[in-house]
Amino acid sequence: MQQIKFTLSTASILPPIVTVITLTLLHPSQSTPLQHWQFDNDQSTILIGRALDNHVVLYSAVVSRRHLEIRHNNDHDDWELENLGANGTFLNGKPVEKTVVVDGMVVRLAASGPQIQIRLINEDEQPKLILKPLEAPLVGDQTQPEKDTIAS
């Protein structure tokens, strides 16, 4: 009888380390991005509201001066958000007072207020800027294009 030996690695599997949190203000009806804010992981608290001393300032009558707080929870190494606004914060149409942030979630400030998408980006997903040289030389007279063109 042949004996087979196995080795078992007990290396712990660590969740990805979130290095950047990105907030995106979405268009109210089309869900297209209007504005972005990006914060490094060393920013432990992010304040959102109408007051000028917030990290994210939103000019909307339904948004409170201090409407939403997103903070890093060191005990669980995750992010959580807490409603501070008088008109509430909504997740999937339901009011929420405090919850763990999930990558890609969209919250609405007040029932009819602005929507913000929250992205948690780990160090492996951070976009890298790649500059490529122009592959083909420009030919002909480039001062008067024959028709409108869109660069892709």
Protein backbone atom coordinates (compact mmCIF):
# COMPACT_ATOMS: atom_id res chain seq x y z
CA MET A 1 0.00 0.00 0.00
CA GLN A 2 1.37 3.39 -1.01
CA GLN A 3 1.45 6.13 1.61
CA ILE A 4 0.63 9.70 0.56
CA LYS A 5 1.73 12.66 2.63
CA PHE A 6 -0.04 16.00 2.64
CA THR A 7 1.12 19.27 4.03
CA LEU A 8 -1.40 21.79 5.18
CA SER A 9 -0.57 25.45 5.17
CA THR A 10 -2.23 27.34 8.01
CA ALA A 11 -1.33 30.78 6.73
CA SER A 12 -4.17 33.08 7.56
CA ILE A 13 -6.12 34.61 4.72
CA LEU A 14 -6.29 38.32 5.31
CA PRO A 15 -8.94 40.53 3.77
CA PRO A 16 -7.62 43.17 1.38
CA ILE A 17 -6.47 46.34 3.09
CA VAL A 18 -8.59 49.31 2.11
CA THR A 19 -6.21 52.12 1.23
CA VAL A 20 -8.60 54.58 -0.39
CA ILE A 21 -12.25 55.44 0.15
CA THR A 22 -13.97 57.21 -2.74
CA LEU A 23 -17.28 59.05 -2.49
CA THR A 24 -19.15 59.84 -5.69
CA LEU A 25 -22.08 62.24 -5.91
CA LEU A 26 -24.56 60.72 -8.36
CA HIS A 27 -26.99 62.55 -10.63
CA PRO A 28 -30.43 62.38 -8.97
CA SER A 29 -32.26 60.65 -11.81
CA GLN A 30 -29.58 59.12 -14.03
CA SER A 31 -27.14 57.71 -11.43
CA THR A 32 -24.20 59.12 -13.40
CA PRO A 33 -21.24 60.56 -11.47
CA LEU A 34 -21.20 64.32 -10.93
CA GLN A 35 -18.32 64.75 -8.49
CA HIS A 36 -15.74 62.59 -6.68
CA TRP A 37 -13.91 62.87 -3.36
CA GLN A 38 -11.06 60.55 -2.46
CA PHE A 39 -9.64 59.94 1.01
CA ASP A 40 -6.63 57.90 2.09
CA ASN A 41 -6.98 55.27 4.78
CA ASP A 42 -5.28 57.55 7.30
CA GLN A 43 -8.43 59.73 7.25
CA SER A 44 -10.28 58.06 10.15
CA THR A 45 -13.47 60.15 9.92
CA ILE A 46 -15.23 61.71 6.94
CA LEU A 47 -17.97 64.27 7.59
CA ILE A 48 -20.64 65.07 5.00
CA GLY A 49 -23.13 67.93 5.16
CA ARG A 50 -23.92 71.56 4.33
CA ALA A 51 -21.44 73.15 6.78
CA LEU A 52 -18.27 74.46 5.17
CA ASP A 53 -16.01 72.63 7.64
CA ASN A 54 -17.17 69.17 6.45
CA HIS A 55 -14.86 67.05 4.30
CA VAL A 56 -17.66 66.81 1.72
CA VAL A 57 -19.88 69.90 1.40
CA LEU A 58 -23.25 69.47 -0.31
CA TYR A 59 -25.45 72.46 -1.07
CA SER A 60 -28.95 71.04 -0.68
CA ALA A 61 -31.79 72.31 1.50
CA VAL A 62 -32.63 68.77 2.71
CA VAL A 63 -29.04 68.04 3.82
CA SER A 64 -28.21 68.89 7.45
CA ARG A 65 -25.14 70.90 8.43
CA ARG A 66 -23.64 67.63 9.73
CA HIS A 67 -25.61 64.94 7.95
CA LEU A 68 -23.46 61.83 7.69
CA GLU A 69 -20.30 60.53 9.33
CA ILE A 70 -18.22 57.74 7.83
CA ARG A 71 -15.58 56.44 10.20
CA HIS A 72 -12.95 53.74 10.28
CA ASN A 73 -13.68 51.09 12.90
CA ASN A 74 -10.28 49.91 14.15
CA ASP A 75 -11.77 47.01 16.15
CA HIS A 76 -13.07 45.28 13.02
CA ASP A 77 -10.86 47.05 10.46
CA ASP A 78 -13.87 48.18 8.45
CA TRP A 79 -15.78 51.39 7.77
CA GLU A 80 -19.18 52.32 9.16
CA LEU A 81 -21.54 55.17 8.52
CA GLU A 82 -23.81 56.96 10.95
CA ASN A 83 -26.74 59.23 10.21
CA LEU A 84 -26.48 62.62 11.93
CA GLY A 85 -29.10 64.38 9.80
CA ALA A 86 -32.57 65.48 10.85
CA ASN A 87 -34.02 64.29 7.52
CA GLY A 88 -32.38 60.86 7.71
CA THR A 89 -30.08 58.77 5.57
CA PHE A 90 -31.49 56.02 3.36
CA LEU A 91 -30.07 52.75 2.06
CA ASN A 92 -32.19 50.91 -0.54
CA GLY A 93 -35.08 53.23 0.29
CA LYS A 94 -35.05 52.38 4.00
CA PRO A 95 -33.87 54.70 6.78
CA VAL A 96 -30.60 53.71 8.41
CA GLU A 97 -29.05 55.08 11.58
CA LYS A 98 -25.77 53.14 11.62
CA THR A 99 -24.39 50.42 9.35
CA VAL A 100 -21.19 48.87 8.05
CA VAL A 101 -20.02 50.30 4.73
CA VAL A 102 -20.05 47.83 1.84
CA ASP A 103 -18.07 48.55 -1.32
CA GLY A 104 -20.34 50.05 -3.98
CA MET A 105 -23.23 50.91 -1.69
CA VAL A 106 -25.34 53.98 -2.51
CA VAL A 107 -26.85 56.08 0.26
CA ARG A 108 -29.35 58.91 -0.12
CA LEU A 109 -29.23 61.91 2.19
CA ALA A 110 -32.87 62.63 3.09
CA ALA A 111 -35.74 60.92 1.27
CA SER A 112 -35.35 63.15 -1.79
CA GLY A 113 -31.77 64.36 -1.37
CA PRO A 114 -28.46 63.65 -3.07
CA GLN A 115 -27.15 60.12 -3.58
CA ILE A 116 -23.58 59.15 -2.75
CA GLN A 117 -21.85 55.96 -3.85
CA ILE A 118 -19.13 54.69 -1.52
CA ARG A 119 -16.20 52.70 -2.94
CA LEU A 120 -13.60 50.97 -0.80
CA ILE A 121 -10.49 50.45 -2.90
CA ASN A 122 -7.74 48.14 -1.68
CA GLU A 123 -4.07 48.51 -2.54
CA ASP A 124 -4.28 45.92 -5.35
CA GLU A 125 -7.14 47.70 -7.12
CA GLN A 126 -5.73 51.23 -7.16
CA PRO A 127 -5.67 52.51 -10.71
CA LYS A 128 -2.26 53.12 -12.18
CA LEU A 129 -1.61 55.98 -14.56
CA ILE A 130 -0.03 54.64 -17.73
CA LEU A 131 1.30 57.07 -20.29
CA LYS A 132 1.78 55.74 -23.80
CA PRO A 133 3.65 57.51 -26.56
CA LEU A 134 1.74 58.45 -29.67
CA GLU A 135 1.95 55.33 -31.81
CA ALA A 136 1.48 56.87 -35.23
CA PRO A 137 2.81 60.20 -36.42
CA LEU A 138 0.28 62.82 -37.41
CA VAL A 139 0.03 63.14 -41.17
CA GLY A 140 -1.48 65.73 -43.42
CA ASP A 141 -2.81 69.14 -42.49
CA GLN A 142 -4.13 68.83 -38.92
CA THR A 143 -5.22 72.46 -38.66
CA GLN A 144 -8.48 72.03 -40.62
CA PRO A 145 -10.16 68.68 -39.88
CA GLU A 146 -12.65 67.56 -42.53
CA LYS A 147 -15.32 66.63 -39.98
CA ASP A 148 -15.87 66.51 -36.26
CA THR A 149 -13.98 63.67 -34.64
CA ILE A 150 -13.98 62.16 -31.19
CA ALA A 151 -10.77 60.81 -29.76
CA SER A 152 -11.09 57.42 -28.12
